[in-house]
PDB file of N, CA and C in Angstrom:
ATOM      1  N   MET A   1     -26.434 -23.714  16.415  1.00  0.00           N
ATOM      2  CA  MET A   1     -25.829 -24.922  16.936  1.00  0.00           C
ATOM      3  C   MET A   1     -25.432 -25.814  15.770  1.00  0.00           C
ATOM      4  N   GLU A   2     -24.292 -26.434  15.915  1.00  0.00           N
ATOM      5  CA  GLU A   2     -23.747 -27.271  14.860  1.00  0.00           C
ATOM      6  C   GLU A   2     -24.336 -28.681  14.942  1.00  0.00           C
ATOM      7  N   ASN A   3     -24.561 -29.291  13.788  1.00  0.00           N
ATOM      8  CA  ASN A   3     -25.106 -30.646  13.756  1.00  0.00           C
ATOM      9  C   ASN A   3     -24.022 -31.673  14.038  1.00  0.00           C
ATOM     10  N   ILE A   4     -24.424 -32.801  14.626  1.00  0.00           N
ATOM     11  CA  ILE A   4     -23.496 -33.898  14.909  1.00  0.00           C
ATOM     12  C   ILE A   4     -23.306 -34.705  13.635  1.00  0.00           C
ATOM     13  N   LYS A   5     -22.061 -35.080  13.356  1.00  0.00           N
ATOM     14  CA  LYS A   5     -21.765 -35.937  12.213  1.00  0.00           C
ATOM     15  C   LYS A   5     -21.052 -37.184  12.709  1.00  0.00           C
ATOM     16  N   VAL A   6     -21.525 -38.356  12.255  1.00  0.00           N
ATOM     17  CA  VAL A   6     -20.882 -39.623  12.608  1.00  0.00           C
ATOM     18  C   VAL A   6     -20.743 -40.466  11.348  1.00  0.00           C
ATOM     19  N   ARG A   7     -19.837 -41.449  11.416  1.00  0.00           N
ATOM     20  CA  ARG A   7     -19.674 -42.392  10.312  1.00  0.00           C
ATOM     21  C   ARG A   7     -19.827 -43.799  10.872  1.00  0.00           C
ATOM     22  N   CYS A   8     -20.656 -44.593  10.213  1.00  0.00           N
ATOM     23  CA  CYS A   8     -20.832 -45.988  10.588  1.00  0.00           C
ATOM     24  C   CYS A   8     -19.764 -46.795   9.847  1.00  0.00           C
ATOM     25  N   ARG A   9     -18.924 -47.511  10.590  1.00  0.00           N
ATOM     26  CA  ARG A   9     -17.864 -48.292   9.956  1.00  0.00           C
ATOM     27  C   ARG A   9     -18.410 -49.525   9.244  1.00  0.00           C
ATOM     28  N   SER A  10     -19.581 -49.997   9.640  1.00  0.00           N
ATOM     29  CA  SER A  10     -20.152 -51.192   9.006  1.00  0.00           C
ATOM     30  C   SER A  10     -20.512 -50.933   7.544  1.00  0.00           C
ATOM     31  N   CYS A  11     -21.193 -49.818   7.303  1.00  0.00           N
ATOM     32  CA  CYS A  11     -21.619 -49.530   5.927  1.00  0.00           C
ATOM     33  C   CYS A  11     -20.883 -48.339   5.326  1.00  0.00           C
ATOM     34  N   ASN A  12     -20.020 -47.669   6.129  1.00  0.00           N
ATOM     35  CA  ASN A  12     -19.246 -46.511   5.682  1.00  0.00           C
ATOM     36  C   ASN A  12     -20.124 -45.334   5.268  1.00  0.00           C
ATOM     37  N   ARG A  13     -21.284 -45.203   5.851  1.00  0.00           N
ATOM     38  CA  ARG A  13     -22.185 -44.094   5.541  1.00  0.00           C
ATOM     39  C   ARG A  13     -22.030 -43.005   6.608  1.00  0.00           C
ATOM     40  N   GLU A  14     -21.992 -41.762   6.148  1.00  0.00           N
ATOM     41  CA  GLU A  14     -21.908 -40.627   7.066  1.00  0.00           C
ATOM     42  C   GLU A  14     -23.308 -40.133   7.369  1.00  0.00           C
ATOM     43  N   LEU A  15     -23.578 -39.902   8.651  1.00  0.00           N
ATOM     44  CA  LEU A  15     -24.871 -39.410   9.099  1.00  0.00           C
ATOM     45  C   LEU A  15     -24.704 -38.036   9.716  1.00  0.00           C
ATOM     46  N   GLU A  16     -25.631 -37.149   9.424  1.00  0.00           N
ATOM     47  CA  GLU A  16     -25.619 -35.812  10.010  1.00  0.00           C
ATOM     48  C   GLU A  16     -26.946 -35.600  10.713  1.00  0.00           C
ATOM     49  N   GLY A  17     -26.869 -35.290  12.004  1.00  0.00           N
ATOM     50  CA  GLY A  17     -28.080 -35.105  12.795  1.00  0.00           C
ATOM     51  C   GLY A  17     -28.815 -33.843  12.399  1.00  0.00           C
ATOM     52  N   ILE A  18     -30.124 -33.958  12.278  1.00  0.00           N
ATOM     53  CA  ILE A  18     -30.998 -32.834  11.959  1.00  0.00           C
ATOM     54  C   ILE A  18     -31.947 -32.671  13.140  1.00  0.00           C
ATOM     55  N   SER A  19     -32.074 -31.453  13.653  1.00  0.00           N
ATOM     56  CA  SER A  19     -32.901 -31.254  14.835  1.00  0.00           C
ATOM     57  C   SER A  19     -34.346 -31.629  14.544  1.00  0.00           C
ATOM     58  N   GLY A  20     -34.919 -32.418  15.434  1.00  0.00           N
ATOM     59  CA  GLY A  20     -36.311 -32.826  15.307  1.00  0.00           C
ATOM     60  C   GLY A  20     -36.531 -34.055  14.450  1.00  0.00           C
ATOM     61  N   LYS A  21     -35.487 -34.604  13.835  1.00  0.00           N
ATOM     62  CA  LYS A  21     -35.640 -35.775  12.977  1.00  0.00           C
ATOM     63  C   LYS A  21     -34.680 -36.876  13.407  1.00  0.00           C
ATOM     64  N   THR A  22     -35.071 -38.105  13.096  1.00  0.00           N
ATOM     65  CA  THR A  22     -34.216 -39.256  13.351  1.00  0.00           C
ATOM     66  C   THR A  22     -33.528 -39.638  12.052  1.00  0.00           C
ATOM     67  N   VAL A  23     -32.199 -39.810  12.114  1.00  0.00           N
ATOM     68  CA  VAL A  23     -31.422 -40.187  10.937  1.00  0.00           C
ATOM     69  C   VAL A  23     -30.748 -41.519  11.251  1.00  0.00           C
ATOM     70  N   SER A  24     -30.885 -42.482  10.338  1.00  0.00           N
ATOM     71  CA  SER A  24     -30.324 -43.808  10.557  1.00  0.00           C
ATOM     72  C   SER A  24     -29.640 -44.284   9.286  1.00  0.00           C
ATOM     73  N   CYS A  25     -28.635 -45.169   9.447  1.00  0.00           N
ATOM     74  CA  CYS A  25     -27.898 -45.642   8.274  1.00  0.00           C
ATOM     75  C   CYS A  25     -28.598 -46.832   7.616  1.00  0.00           C
ATOM     76  N   GLY A  26     -29.316 -47.652   8.379  1.00  0.00           N
ATOM     77  CA  GLY A  26     -30.079 -48.744   7.775  1.00  0.00           C
ATOM     78  C   GLY A  26     -29.327 -50.056   7.663  1.00  0.00           C
ATOM     79  N   CYS A  27     -28.059 -50.102   8.035  1.00  0.00           N
ATOM     80  CA  CYS A  27     -27.304 -51.359   7.978  1.00  0.00           C
ATOM     81  C   CYS A  27     -27.620 -52.182   9.245  1.00  0.00           C
ATOM     82  N   PRO A  28     -27.098 -53.392   9.372  1.00  0.00           N
ATOM     83  CA  PRO A  28     -27.371 -54.199  10.576  1.00  0.00           C
ATOM     84  C   PRO A  28     -26.889 -53.553  11.882  1.00  0.00           C
ATOM     85  N   ASN A  29     -25.902 -52.658  11.818  1.00  0.00           N
ATOM     86  CA  ASN A  29     -25.447 -51.960  13.021  1.00  0.00           C
ATOM     87  C   ASN A  29     -26.468 -50.922  13.481  1.00  0.00           C
ATOM     88  N   MET A  30     -27.242 -50.386  12.572  1.00  0.00           N
ATOM     89  CA  MET A  30     -28.340 -49.452  12.843  1.00  0.00           C
ATOM     90  C   MET A  30     -27.885 -48.231  13.646  1.00  0.00           C
ATOM     91  N   ALA A  31     -26.862 -47.536  13.143  1.00  0.00           N
ATOM     92  CA  ALA A  31     -26.411 -46.291  13.780  1.00  0.00           C
ATOM     93  C   ALA A  31     -27.492 -45.239  13.587  1.00  0.00           C
ATOM     94  N   THR A  32     -27.846 -44.555  14.666  1.00  0.00           N
ATOM     95  CA  THR A  32     -28.964 -43.612  14.641  1.00  0.00           C
ATOM     96  C   THR A  32     -28.588 -42.353  15.408  1.00  0.00           C
ATOM     97  N   ILE A  33     -29.005 -41.203  14.862  1.00  0.00           N
ATOM     98  CA  ILE A  33     -28.877 -39.928  15.563  1.00  0.00           C
ATOM     99  C   ILE A  33     -30.279 -39.387  15.751  1.00  0.00           C
ATOM    100  N   ARG A  34     -30.634 -39.122  17.017  1.00  0.00           N
ATOM    101  CA  ARG A  34     -31.965 -38.608  17.317  1.00  0.00           C
ATOM    102  C   ARG A  34     -31.840 -37.545  18.397  1.00  0.00           C
ATOM    103  N   ASN A  35     -32.137 -36.294  18.060  1.00  0.00           N
ATOM    104  CA  ASN A  35     -32.091 -35.168  19.006  1.00  0.00           C
ATOM    105  C   ASN A  35     -30.757 -35.070  19.741  1.00  0.00           C
ATOM    106  N   GLY A  36     -29.658 -35.274  19.036  1.00  0.00           N
ATOM    107  CA  GLY A  36     -28.337 -35.148  19.638  1.00  0.00           C
ATOM    108  C   GLY A  36     -27.860 -36.392  20.371  1.00  0.00           C
ATOM    109  N   VAL A  37     -28.635 -37.487  20.325  1.00  0.00           N
ATOM    110  CA  VAL A  37     -28.261 -38.737  20.987  1.00  0.00           C
ATOM    111  C   VAL A  37     -27.872 -39.746  19.912  1.00  0.00           C
ATOM    112  N   ILE A  38     -26.706 -40.366  20.090  1.00  0.00           N
ATOM    113  CA  ILE A  38     -26.216 -41.347  19.119  1.00  0.00           C
ATOM    114  C   ILE A  38     -26.417 -42.737  19.702  1.00  0.00           C
ATOM    115  N   SER A  39     -27.000 -43.634  18.910  1.00  0.00           N
ATOM    116  CA  SER A  39     -27.175 -45.006  19.356  1.00  0.00           C
ATOM    117  C   SER A  39     -26.842 -45.939  18.204  1.00  0.00           C
ATOM    118  N   ALA A  40     -26.461 -47.167  18.557  1.00  0.00           N
ATOM    119  CA  ALA A  40     -26.141 -48.192  17.566  1.00  0.00           C
ATOM    120  C   ALA A  40     -26.110 -49.535  18.283  1.00  0.00           C
ATOM    121  N   VAL A  41     -26.163 -50.615  17.523  1.00  0.00           N
ATOM    122  CA  VAL A  41     -26.040 -51.939  18.109  1.00  0.00           C
ATOM    123  C   VAL A  41     -24.639 -52.094  18.692  1.00  0.00           C
ATOM    124  N   ASP A  42     -23.620 -51.700  17.934  1.00  0.00           N
ATOM    125  CA  ASP A  42     -22.227 -51.754  18.386  1.00  0.00           C
ATOM    126  C   ASP A  42     -21.619 -50.364  18.219  1.00  0.00           C
ATOM    127  N   LEU A  43     -21.514 -49.621  19.314  1.00  0.00           N
ATOM    128  CA  LEU A  43     -21.011 -48.247  19.237  1.00  0.00           C
ATOM    129  C   LEU A  43     -19.521 -48.186  18.895  1.00  0.00           C
ATOM    130  N   SER A  44     -18.797 -49.289  19.024  1.00  0.00           N
ATOM    131  CA  SER A  44     -17.393 -49.267  18.628  1.00  0.00           C
ATOM    132  C   SER A  44     -17.257 -49.177  17.106  1.00  0.00           C
ATOM    133  N   GLN A  45     -18.330 -49.427  16.388  1.00  0.00           N
ATOM    134  CA  GLN A  45     -18.334 -49.319  14.927  1.00  0.00           C
ATOM    135  C   GLN A  45     -18.759 -47.923  14.459  1.00  0.00           C
ATOM    136  N   VAL A  46     -18.960 -46.993  15.385  1.00  0.00           N
ATOM    137  CA  VAL A  46     -19.392 -45.633  15.047  1.00  0.00           C
ATOM    138  C   VAL A  46     -18.259 -44.667  15.368  1.00  0.00           C
ATOM    139  N   VAL A  47     -17.927 -43.791  14.413  1.00  0.00           N
ATOM    140  CA  VAL A  47     -16.858 -42.803  14.579  1.00  0.00           C
ATOM    141  C   VAL A  47     -17.475 -41.418  14.576  1.00  0.00           C
ATOM    142  N   MET A  48     -17.122 -40.613  15.599  1.00  0.00           N
ATOM    143  CA  MET A  48     -17.604 -39.235  15.667  1.00  0.00           C
ATOM    144  C   MET A  48     -16.747 -38.372  14.745  1.00  0.00           C
ATOM    145  N   LEU A  49     -17.355 -37.695  13.807  1.00  0.00           N
ATOM    146  CA  LEU A  49     -16.627 -36.784  12.928  1.00  0.00           C
ATOM    147  C   LEU A  49     -16.557 -35.385  13.532  1.00  0.00           C
ATOM    148  N   ASN A  50     -17.614 -34.967  14.185  1.00  0.00           N
ATOM    149  CA  ASN A  50     -17.604 -33.735  14.974  1.00  0.00           C
ATOM    150  C   ASN A  50     -18.651 -33.889  16.065  1.00  0.00           C
ATOM    151  N   SER A  51     -18.645 -33.005  17.008  1.00  0.00           N
ATOM    152  CA  SER A  51     -19.594 -33.100  18.105  1.00  0.00           C
ATOM    153  C   SER A  51     -20.128 -31.718  18.428  1.00  0.00           C
ATOM    154  N   MET A  52     -21.153 -31.704  19.249  1.00  0.00           N
ATOM    155  CA  MET A  52     -21.713 -30.432  19.684  1.00  0.00           C
ATOM    156  C   MET A  52     -20.790 -29.877  20.752  1.00  0.00           C
ATOM    157  N   SER A  53     -20.328 -28.664  20.572  1.00  0.00           N
ATOM    158  CA  SER A  53     -19.443 -28.060  21.563  1.00  0.00           C
ATOM    159  C   SER A  53     -20.258 -27.097  22.413  1.00  0.00           C
ATOM    160  N   ASN A  54     -20.069 -27.198  23.710  1.00  0.00           N
ATOM    161  CA  ASN A  54     -20.740 -26.294  24.625  1.00  0.00           C
ATOM    162  C   ASN A  54     -19.867 -25.065  24.796  1.00  0.00           C
ATOM    163  N   LYS A  55     -20.329 -23.962  24.283  1.00  0.00           N
ATOM    164  CA  LYS A  55     -19.568 -22.732  24.402  1.00  0.00           C
ATOM    165  C   LYS A  55     -19.951 -22.065  25.711  1.00  0.00           C
ATOM    166  N   SER A  56     -18.956 -21.862  26.554  1.00  0.00           N
ATOM    167  CA  SER A  56     -19.243 -21.232  27.835  1.00  0.00           C
ATOM    168  C   SER A  56     -19.314 -19.722  27.634  1.00  0.00           C
ATOM    169  N   LYS A  57     -20.209 -19.124  28.365  1.00  0.00           N
ATOM    170  CA  LYS A  57     -20.369 -17.680  28.280  1.00  0.00           C
ATOM    171  C   LYS A  57     -19.207 -17.003  28.988  1.00  0.00           C
ATOM    172  N   SER A  58     -18.922 -15.795  28.568  1.00  0.00           N
ATOM    173  CA  SER A  58     -17.893 -15.048  29.273  1.00  0.00           C
ATOM    174  C   SER A  58     -18.423 -14.722  30.666  1.00  0.00           C
ATOM    175  N   GLY A  59     -17.531 -14.529  31.588  1.00  0.00           N
ATOM    176  CA  GLY A  59     -17.913 -14.333  32.981  1.00  0.00           C
ATOM    177  C   GLY A  59     -18.839 -13.142  33.162  1.00  0.00           C
ATOM    178  N   VAL A  60     -19.811 -13.310  34.025  1.00  0.00           N
ATOM    179  CA  VAL A  60     -20.754 -12.243  34.321  1.00  0.00           C
ATOM    180  C   VAL A  60     -20.128 -11.270  35.305  1.00  0.00           C
ATOM    181  N   LEU A  61     -19.286 -11.800  36.183  1.00  0.00           N
ATOM    182  CA  LEU A  61     -18.667 -10.954  37.195  1.00  0.00           C
ATOM    183  C   LEU A  61     -17.416 -10.270  36.639  1.00  0.00           C
ATOM    184  N   THR A  62     -17.211  -9.041  37.078  1.00  0.00           N
ATOM    185  CA  THR A  62     -16.006  -8.312  36.674  1.00  0.00           C
ATOM    186  C   THR A  62     -14.841  -8.767  37.550  1.00  0.00           C
ATOM    187  N   ASN A  63     -13.648  -8.290  37.228  1.00  0.00           N
ATOM    188  CA  ASN A  63     -12.475  -8.644  38.018  1.00  0.00           C
ATOM    189  C   ASN A  63     -12.592  -8.139  39.454  1.00  0.00           C
ATOM    190  N   GLU A  64     -13.194  -6.956  39.640  1.00  0.00           N
ATOM    191  CA  GLU A  64     -13.391  -6.422  40.988  1.00  0.00           C
ATOM    192  C   GLU A  64     -14.339  -7.311  41.787  1.00  0.00           C
ATOM    193  N   ASP A  65     -15.413  -7.773  41.141  1.00  0.00           N
ATOM    194  CA  ASP A  65     -16.366  -8.652  41.814  1.00  0.00           C
ATOM    195  C   ASP A  65     -15.721  -9.981  42.197  1.00  0.00           C
ATOM    196  N   LEU A  66     -14.895 -10.514  41.314  1.00  0.00           N
ATOM    197  CA  LEU A  66     -14.208 -11.771  41.616  1.00  0.00           C
ATOM    198  C   LEU A  66     -13.244 -11.604  42.780  1.00  0.00           C
ATOM    199  N   ALA A  67     -12.533 -10.478  42.831  1.00  0.00           N
ATOM    200  CA  ALA A  67     -11.610 -10.220  43.935  1.00  0.00           C
ATOM    201  C   ALA A  67     -12.380 -10.083  45.248  1.00  0.00           C
ATOM    202  N   PHE A  68     -13.526  -9.407  45.216  1.00  0.00           N
ATOM    203  CA  PHE A  68     -14.350  -9.266  46.420  1.00  0.00           C
ATOM    204  C   PHE A  68     -14.839 -10.629  46.900  1.00  0.00           C
ATOM    205  N   GLN A  69     -15.309 -11.464  45.987  1.00  0.00           N
ATOM    206  CA  GLN A  69     -15.801 -12.787  46.364  1.00  0.00           C
ATOM    207  C   GLN A  69     -14.684 -13.658  46.928  1.00  0.00           C
ATOM    208  N   GLU A  70     -13.483 -13.543  46.363  1.00  0.00           N
ATOM    209  CA  GLU A  70     -12.346 -14.316  46.869  1.00  0.00           C
ATOM    210  C   GLU A  70     -11.979 -13.863  48.282  1.00  0.00           C
ATOM    211  N   ALA A  71     -11.968 -12.547  48.516  1.00  0.00           N
ATOM    212  CA  ALA A  71     -11.675 -12.032  49.854  1.00  0.00           C
ATOM    213  C   ALA A  71     -12.766 -12.456  50.829  1.00  0.00           C
ATOM    214  N   ARG A  72     -14.002 -12.465  50.382  1.00  0.00           N
ATOM    215  CA  ARG A  72     -15.120 -12.866  51.230  1.00  0.00           C
ATOM    216  C   ARG A  72     -15.023 -14.344  51.592  1.00  0.00           C
ATOM    217  N   ARG A  73     -14.569 -15.154  50.647  1.00  0.00           N
ATOM    218  CA  ARG A  73     -14.471 -16.588  50.879  1.00  0.00           C
ATOM    219  C   ARG A  73     -13.431 -16.909  51.945  1.00  0.00           C
ATOM    220  N   GLN A  74     -12.413 -16.071  52.060  1.00  0.00           N
ATOM    221  CA  GLN A  74     -11.337 -16.341  53.003  1.00  0.00           C
ATOM    222  C   GLN A  74     -11.583 -15.768  54.392  1.00  0.00           C
ATOM    223  N   ARG A  75     -12.716 -15.121  54.607  1.00  0.00           N
ATOM    224  CA  ARG A  75     -13.033 -14.602  55.934  1.00  0.00           C
ATOM    225  C   ARG A  75     -13.286 -15.755  56.890  1.00  0.00           C
ATOM    226  N   LYS A  76     -12.930 -15.546  58.124  1.00  0.00           N
ATOM    227  CA  LYS A  76     -13.152 -16.557  59.148  1.00  0.00           C
ATOM    228  C   LYS A  76     -14.453 -16.261  59.879  1.00  0.00           C
ATOM    229  N   VAL A  77     -15.069 -17.299  60.399  1.00  0.00           N
ATOM    230  CA  VAL A  77     -16.279 -17.135  61.187  1.00  0.00           C
ATOM    231  C   VAL A  77     -15.869 -16.732  62.596  1.00  0.00           C
ATOM    232  N   ARG A  78     -16.410 -15.638  63.062  1.00  0.00           N
ATOM    233  CA  ARG A  78     -16.078 -15.161  64.395  1.00  0.00           C
ATOM    234  C   ARG A  78     -17.029 -15.799  65.395  1.00  0.00           C
ATOM    235  N   ARG A  79     -16.452 -16.354  66.427  1.00  0.00           N
ATOM    236  CA  ARG A  79     -17.260 -17.020  67.429  1.00  0.00           C
ATOM    237  C   ARG A  79     -17.504 -16.045  68.578  1.00  0.00           C
ATOM    238  N   LEU A  80     -18.750 -15.886  68.935  1.00  0.00           N
ATOM    239  CA  LEU A  80     -19.095 -14.968  70.017  1.00  0.00           C
ATOM    240  C   LEU A  80     -19.321 -15.753  71.298  1.00  0.00           C
ATOM    241  N   ASP A  81     -18.767 -15.241  72.384  1.00  0.00           N
ATOM    242  CA  ASP A  81     -18.961 -15.875  73.683  1.00  0.00           C
ATOM    243  C   ASP A  81     -19.911 -14.996  74.510  1.00  0.00           C
ATOM    244  N   PHE A  82     -20.920 -15.622  75.063  1.00  0.00           N
ATOM    245  CA  PHE A  82     -21.872 -14.908  75.906  1.00  0.00           C
ATOM    246  C   PHE A  82     -21.809 -15.475  77.308  1.00  0.00           C
ATOM    247  N   GLU A  83     -22.033 -14.594  78.270  1.00  0.00           N
ATOM    248  CA  GLU A  83     -22.115 -15.046  79.648  1.00  0.00           C
ATOM    249  C   GLU A  83     -23.501 -15.607  79.895  1.00  0.00           C
ATOM    250  N   ILE A  84     -23.552 -16.710  80.579  1.00  0.00           N
ATOM    251  CA  ILE A  84     -24.839 -17.316  80.920  1.00  0.00           C
ATOM    252  C   ILE A  84     -25.108 -16.994  82.376  1.00  0.00           C
ATOM    253  N   ARG A  85     -26.235 -16.377  82.618  1.00  0.00           N
ATOM    254  CA  ARG A  85     -26.572 -15.996  83.993  1.00  0.00           C
ATOM    255  C   ARG A  85     -27.560 -16.952  84.584  1.00  0.00           C
TER     256      ARG A  85
END
């Protein structure tokens, strides 16, 4: 997993998040990265240089399975009528 990098505009210091540790710039804006969470007194003074990207897994279902599920989704519910005696 890639680390988050931000720049505090108040002090112009670049911060890189390290897993399990808190990283802070120390200026009055107090930009902080902790476990992938970015906080600051004024977040408009913080610029994201990169972010954690969520990579989606390739599909588990094959094309045949997807076609079957699509056909199944379009089936209608059949209503049964019973005689009441």
